[in-house]
Amino acid sequence: MTGLEHEERESLLELAERARRTRLPEPVERRRIRVGAGVSVAELANALHASETILYQWEKGRRMPSPRFRGRYAEALEILAGEQRAVRQDEEVTADPSTR
């Protein structure tokens, strides 16, 4: 095995391990996050460079994202969920009379 082949193998093993460690919400939660953020299946699929069909399958729990998509999908869901939390916090502050 040449050095380059060894480096490629190590890189692939590292990617596979990172994908295994990447936690995704349960399928129903994935959909709730996307819908709650006001993002369509088409928009998220486009952002991930995935098909709408595969995204539907991920949200239904019929398939799991491959290592190629898993990290990006998890990160996208985390960003969308974070945006939802920020909006809720802003709404709570606005609704709280003591902050006026």
N, C-alpha and C. Protein backbone atom coordinates (compact mmCIF):
# COMPACT_ATOMS: atom_id res chain seq x y z
N MET A 1 0.85 -1.18 0.00
CA MET A 1 0.00 0.00 0.00
C MET A 1 0.89 1.24 0.00
N THR A 2 0.62 2.16 -0.86
CA THR A 2 1.41 3.39 -0.92
C THR A 2 0.93 4.36 0.16
N GLY A 3 1.74 5.39 0.39
CA GLY A 3 1.38 6.39 1.38
C GLY A 3 0.07 7.07 1.06
N LEU A 4 -0.14 7.39 -0.19
CA LEU A 4 -1.37 8.06 -0.60
C LEU A 4 -2.57 7.16 -0.35
N GLU A 5 -2.47 5.91 -0.68
CA GLU A 5 -3.59 4.99 -0.44
C GLU A 5 -3.89 4.88 1.06
N HIS A 6 -2.83 4.84 1.85
CA HIS A 6 -3.00 4.75 3.30
C HIS A 6 -3.69 6.02 3.82
N GLU A 7 -3.26 7.19 3.34
CA GLU A 7 -3.87 8.45 3.76
C GLU A 7 -5.34 8.50 3.34
N GLU A 8 -5.64 8.05 2.13
CA GLU A 8 -7.03 8.04 1.67
C GLU A 8 -7.88 7.13 2.55
N ARG A 9 -7.34 5.97 2.87
CA ARG A 9 -8.07 5.01 3.72
C ARG A 9 -8.32 5.61 5.10
N GLU A 10 -7.31 6.23 5.68
CA GLU A 10 -7.46 6.85 6.99
C GLU A 10 -8.50 7.97 6.94
N SER A 11 -8.47 8.74 5.88
CA SER A 11 -9.43 9.83 5.72
C SER A 11 -10.85 9.29 5.64
N LEU A 12 -11.04 8.23 4.89
CA LEU A 12 -12.36 7.61 4.77
C LEU A 12 -12.83 7.02 6.09
N LEU A 13 -11.93 6.39 6.80
CA LEU A 13 -12.29 5.82 8.10
C LEU A 13 -12.69 6.93 9.08
N GLU A 14 -11.98 8.04 9.03
CA GLU A 14 -12.30 9.18 9.89
C GLU A 14 -13.68 9.73 9.55
N LEU A 15 -13.97 9.86 8.26
CA LEU A 15 -15.29 10.34 7.84
C LEU A 15 -16.40 9.40 8.29
N ALA A 16 -16.17 8.12 8.14
CA ALA A 16 -17.17 7.13 8.55
C ALA A 16 -17.42 7.19 10.06
N GLU A 17 -16.37 7.34 10.82
CA GLU A 17 -16.50 7.41 12.28
C GLU A 17 -17.24 8.68 12.69
N ARG A 18 -16.94 9.79 12.05
CA ARG A 18 -17.61 11.05 12.35
C ARG A 18 -19.10 10.94 12.02
N ALA A 19 -19.42 10.28 10.91
CA ALA A 19 -20.82 10.10 10.52
C ALA A 19 -21.55 9.24 11.54
N ARG A 20 -20.89 8.20 12.05
CA ARG A 20 -21.53 7.35 13.05
C ARG A 20 -21.79 8.11 14.34
N ARG A 21 -20.91 9.06 14.68
CA ARG A 21 -21.06 9.82 15.92
C ARG A 21 -22.08 10.95 15.77
N THR A 22 -22.39 11.34 14.55
CA THR A 22 -23.33 12.44 14.32
C THR A 22 -24.73 11.97 14.69
N ARG A 23 -25.29 12.63 15.67
CA ARG A 23 -26.64 12.27 16.12
C ARG A 23 -27.67 13.09 15.36
N LEU A 24 -28.67 12.40 14.91
CA LEU A 24 -29.80 13.06 14.25
C LEU A 24 -31.02 12.94 15.15
N PRO A 25 -31.88 13.96 15.12
CA PRO A 25 -33.14 13.83 15.85
C PRO A 25 -33.96 12.67 15.25
N GLU A 26 -34.96 12.25 15.99
CA GLU A 26 -35.87 11.23 15.47
C GLU A 26 -36.54 11.77 14.21
N PRO A 27 -36.96 10.89 13.30
CA PRO A 27 -37.54 11.35 12.04
C PRO A 27 -38.67 12.36 12.19
N VAL A 28 -39.61 12.13 13.10
CA VAL A 28 -40.73 13.06 13.27
C VAL A 28 -40.22 14.43 13.72
N GLU A 29 -39.16 14.45 14.51
CA GLU A 29 -38.58 15.71 14.98
C GLU A 29 -37.87 16.43 13.83
N ARG A 30 -37.26 15.68 12.94
CA ARG A 30 -36.60 16.29 11.77
C ARG A 30 -37.61 17.10 10.97
N ARG A 31 -38.77 16.50 10.74
CA ARG A 31 -39.82 17.19 9.99
C ARG A 31 -40.33 18.40 10.76
N ARG A 32 -40.55 18.23 12.07
CA ARG A 32 -41.05 19.33 12.89
C ARG A 32 -40.09 20.52 12.84
N ILE A 33 -38.81 20.27 12.90
CA ILE A 33 -37.81 21.34 12.84
C ILE A 33 -37.90 22.07 11.50
N ARG A 34 -37.94 21.29 10.43
CA ARG A 34 -37.98 21.91 9.09
C ARG A 34 -39.25 22.73 8.91
N VAL A 35 -40.40 22.15 9.24
CA VAL A 35 -41.68 22.83 9.06
C VAL A 35 -41.74 24.06 9.98
N GLY A 36 -41.28 23.90 11.21
CA GLY A 36 -41.30 25.01 12.17
C GLY A 36 -40.46 26.19 11.71
N ALA A 37 -39.43 25.90 10.94
CA ALA A 37 -38.57 26.97 10.42
C ALA A 37 -39.12 27.58 9.15
N GLY A 38 -40.23 27.01 8.66
CA GLY A 38 -40.83 27.54 7.43
C GLY A 38 -40.04 27.20 6.18
N VAL A 39 -39.33 26.07 6.24
CA VAL A 39 -38.51 25.65 5.10
C VAL A 39 -39.20 24.48 4.41
N SER A 40 -39.34 24.57 3.10
CA SER A 40 -39.98 23.49 2.34
C SER A 40 -39.00 22.34 2.12
N VAL A 41 -39.55 21.20 1.78
CA VAL A 41 -38.71 20.05 1.44
C VAL A 41 -37.79 20.41 0.28
N ALA A 42 -38.34 21.08 -0.71
CA ALA A 42 -37.53 21.46 -1.88
C ALA A 42 -36.37 22.37 -1.48
N GLU A 43 -36.63 23.33 -0.61
CA GLU A 43 -35.58 24.26 -0.19
C GLU A 43 -34.46 23.54 0.56
N LEU A 44 -34.84 22.68 1.51
CA LEU A 44 -33.82 21.98 2.28
C LEU A 44 -33.07 20.98 1.41
N ALA A 45 -33.79 20.26 0.57
CA ALA A 45 -33.14 19.30 -0.34
C ALA A 45 -32.14 20.03 -1.23
N ASN A 46 -32.53 21.17 -1.74
CA ASN A 46 -31.65 21.96 -2.60
C ASN A 46 -30.41 22.40 -1.83
N ALA A 47 -30.59 22.87 -0.61
CA ALA A 47 -29.46 23.32 0.21
C ALA A 47 -28.48 22.18 0.51
N LEU A 48 -29.02 20.96 0.65
CA LEU A 48 -28.18 19.80 0.96
C LEU A 48 -27.66 19.10 -0.29
N HIS A 49 -28.12 19.55 -1.47
CA HIS A 49 -27.78 18.88 -2.73
C HIS A 49 -28.26 17.43 -2.71
N ALA A 50 -29.49 17.27 -2.21
CA ALA A 50 -30.14 15.96 -2.14
C ALA A 50 -31.47 16.05 -2.88
N SER A 51 -32.07 14.91 -3.16
CA SER A 51 -33.38 14.93 -3.82
C SER A 51 -34.49 15.10 -2.78
N GLU A 52 -35.61 15.63 -3.22
CA GLU A 52 -36.76 15.77 -2.33
C GLU A 52 -37.23 14.41 -1.84
N THR A 53 -37.19 13.43 -2.71
CA THR A 53 -37.63 12.07 -2.36
C THR A 53 -36.82 11.52 -1.20
N ILE A 54 -35.51 11.69 -1.27
CA ILE A 54 -34.66 11.14 -0.21
C ILE A 54 -34.89 11.88 1.10
N LEU A 55 -35.12 13.19 1.02
CA LEU A 55 -35.39 13.96 2.23
C LEU A 55 -36.69 13.49 2.88
N TYR A 56 -37.72 13.25 2.07
CA TYR A 56 -38.97 12.68 2.59
C TYR A 56 -38.69 11.35 3.30
N GLN A 57 -37.88 10.52 2.70
CA GLN A 57 -37.57 9.22 3.30
C GLN A 57 -36.84 9.38 4.63
N TRP A 58 -35.95 10.36 4.73
CA TRP A 58 -35.25 10.61 6.00
C TRP A 58 -36.25 11.06 7.06
N GLU A 59 -37.19 11.92 6.67
CA GLU A 59 -38.17 12.43 7.63
C GLU A 59 -39.19 11.37 8.04
N LYS A 60 -39.42 10.39 7.20
CA LYS A 60 -40.34 9.30 7.52
C LYS A 60 -39.64 8.15 8.24
N GLY A 61 -38.32 8.19 8.30
CA GLY A 61 -37.56 7.12 8.94
C GLY A 61 -37.40 5.89 8.08
N ARG A 62 -37.69 6.01 6.80
CA ARG A 62 -37.57 4.87 5.88
C ARG A 62 -36.12 4.61 5.49
N ARG A 63 -35.33 5.68 5.51
CA ARG A 63 -33.90 5.57 5.19
C ARG A 63 -33.14 6.51 6.10
N MET A 64 -31.87 6.19 6.31
CA MET A 64 -30.97 7.08 7.04
C MET A 64 -30.05 7.75 6.04
N PRO A 65 -29.67 8.98 6.31
CA PRO A 65 -28.73 9.65 5.41
C PRO A 65 -27.41 8.89 5.34
N SER A 66 -26.85 8.85 4.16
CA SER A 66 -25.54 8.23 3.99
C SER A 66 -24.51 9.13 4.66
N PRO A 67 -23.31 8.61 4.91
CA PRO A 67 -22.27 9.45 5.50
C PRO A 67 -22.04 10.75 4.73
N ARG A 68 -22.24 10.70 3.43
CA ARG A 68 -22.05 11.89 2.59
C ARG A 68 -22.98 13.02 3.01
N PHE A 69 -24.21 12.69 3.44
CA PHE A 69 -25.21 13.69 3.78
C PHE A 69 -25.44 13.86 5.27
N ARG A 70 -25.11 12.87 6.04
CA ARG A 70 -25.49 12.86 7.46
C ARG A 70 -25.01 14.09 8.22
N GLY A 71 -23.76 14.44 8.09
CA GLY A 71 -23.22 15.59 8.82
C GLY A 71 -23.86 16.89 8.39
N ARG A 72 -24.04 17.07 7.08
CA ARG A 72 -24.65 18.30 6.57
C ARG A 72 -26.11 18.40 7.01
N TYR A 73 -26.81 17.26 6.97
CA TYR A 73 -28.21 17.24 7.37
C TYR A 73 -28.34 17.56 8.85
N ALA A 74 -27.51 16.94 9.68
CA ALA A 74 -27.54 17.21 11.12
C ALA A 74 -27.24 18.68 11.39
N GLU A 75 -26.27 19.24 10.69
CA GLU A 75 -25.92 20.64 10.88
C GLU A 75 -27.06 21.56 10.44
N ALA A 76 -27.69 21.24 9.32
CA ALA A 76 -28.82 22.04 8.83
C ALA A 76 -29.96 22.03 9.84
N LEU A 77 -30.27 20.86 10.39
CA LEU A 77 -31.34 20.76 11.38
C LEU A 77 -30.98 21.54 12.64
N GLU A 78 -29.72 21.48 13.04
CA GLU A 78 -29.27 22.21 14.22
C GLU A 78 -29.42 23.72 14.01
N ILE A 79 -29.05 24.19 12.84
CA ILE A 79 -29.18 25.61 12.52
C ILE A 79 -30.64 26.03 12.52
N LEU A 80 -31.49 25.24 11.86
CA LEU A 80 -32.92 25.57 11.81
C LEU A 80 -33.55 25.56 13.21
N ALA A 81 -33.18 24.58 14.02
CA ALA A 81 -33.71 24.51 15.38
C ALA A 81 -33.21 25.69 16.21
N GLY A 82 -31.96 26.08 16.02
CA GLY A 82 -31.41 27.22 16.74
C GLY A 82 -32.11 28.51 16.37
N GLU A 83 -32.43 28.66 15.09
CA GLU A 83 -33.17 29.84 14.65
C GLU A 83 -34.55 29.88 15.29
N GLN A 84 -35.19 28.72 15.39
CA GLN A 84 -36.52 28.66 16.02
C GLN A 84 -36.43 29.05 17.49
N ARG A 85 -35.39 28.57 18.18
CA ARG A 85 -35.22 28.93 19.60
C ARG A 85 -35.01 30.44 19.75
N ALA A 86 -34.22 31.03 18.87
CA ALA A 86 -33.95 32.47 18.92
C ALA A 86 -35.23 33.26 18.70
N VAL A 87 -36.05 32.84 17.76
CA VAL A 87 -37.31 33.53 17.49
C VAL A 87 -38.22 33.44 18.70
N ARG A 88 -38.31 32.25 19.30
CA ARG A 88 -39.17 32.08 20.49
C ARG A 88 -38.69 32.98 21.64
N GLN A 89 -37.38 33.06 21.82
CA GLN A 89 -36.84 33.92 22.88
C GLN A 89 -37.17 35.38 22.62
N ASP A 90 -37.03 35.80 21.37
CA ASP A 90 -37.38 37.18 21.02
C ASP A 90 -38.85 37.45 21.28
N GLU A 91 -39.70 36.48 20.95
CA GLU A 91 -41.14 36.65 21.17
C GLU A 91 -41.45 36.72 22.66
N GLU A 92 -40.75 35.92 23.47
CA GLU A 92 -40.98 35.95 24.92
C GLU A 92 -40.56 37.29 25.51
N VAL A 93 -39.46 37.82 25.05
CA VAL A 93 -38.99 39.11 25.55
C VAL A 93 -39.97 40.21 25.14
N THR A 94 -40.43 40.16 23.91
CA THR A 94 -41.39 41.16 23.41
C THR A 94 -42.71 41.07 24.18
N ALA A 95 -43.12 39.85 24.52
CA ALA A 95 -44.40 39.66 25.19
C ALA A 95 -44.31 39.96 26.69
N ASP A 96 -43.11 39.98 27.26
CA ASP A 96 -42.93 40.20 28.69
C ASP A 96 -43.07 41.70 28.99
N PRO A 97 -44.11 42.10 29.73
CA PRO A 97 -44.31 43.52 30.01
C PRO A 97 -43.16 44.15 30.82
N SER A 98 -42.44 43.36 31.57
CA SER A 98 -41.36 43.92 32.39
C SER A 98 -40.18 44.38 31.55
N THR A 99 -40.13 43.98 30.26
CA THR A 99 -39.01 44.38 29.40
C THR A 99 -39.32 45.63 28.60
N ARG A 100 -40.49 46.17 28.82
CA ARG A 100 -40.87 47.38 28.06
C ARG A 100 -40.50 48.63 28.79
